[in-house]
Amino acid sequence: MTQDQQKQAAARAAIDFIEDGWVVGVGTGSTANYFIDALAEIKQRIDGAVASSEASAARLKAHGIRVFELTAVGEMPIYVDGADEINGQWQMIKGGGAALTREKIVAQCCKQFVCIADASKQVRVLGQFPLPVEVIPMARSLVGRELVKLGGHPAWREGVVTDNGNWILDVHGLTIAEPIKLETAINQIPGVVTNGLFALRPANVLLLGTPDGVVRSNNTFVM
């Protein structure tokens, strides 16, 4: 299978986790788009979805799937999203689509996080993919200097404004041996909204599209 076929296969496999009457947390990005398209085929079975970005909300609505505001629902049973990188502890780097803050918020409200990804996203150590950090615009330079102190090489993603009206710094050159420690440290920098490490809230299940099909793995590190 090609990379896109692997993404699509993983996304379709996630449909097996969806039960009747659920409100589904939905991620953002190319793999999440495949999941939205597959979800449309069973839209009569679900109550609706909560989207992690304006782009995902628009795609859901285009399929006729009801989109709820997060404030209108309580804890949800499931969040389905892709990853830019995922390690052996199901910790991830996310935010290539600049939706990391809302992705992290919606994921935190869900009992189960099902990560859907193609085989290229699985890594031993996080950091080859630049780590996105969402920042308040006035704090861009301050945050950049602090990220250099942490060993990174931040680059402003010029022309990109998040759904929250903020900017993105992509941090290159990191080898993230302790993801929880780094996620916590970056989030303590004044002006940081959040960063793209999903280590404090890793995935519960990984559906990995491979050339030979979809491989399911359950995370024994988190319940």
Foldseek 3Di string as FASTA:
>chain_A
DDQLVLLLQLLLVCVVVDAFAFAEEAEDDDSSLSNLVNCLVVLVRYQAYEYLAPVVVVSNVVSVGDYDHPVVDAQGAEYEEEAQAAEPLQKGFDCPVPSQLSSVVNLVSHPAYEYGHEPVRYDHWDAQFFKKWWFAAVCVVVLQVVVVVVVWHWDWPPPDAGPVRTTIITTHDDGCPDLVVVQVVSVPRPGTPGIRICPVPGGQWYFYRYPVGTDIDGRPVDD
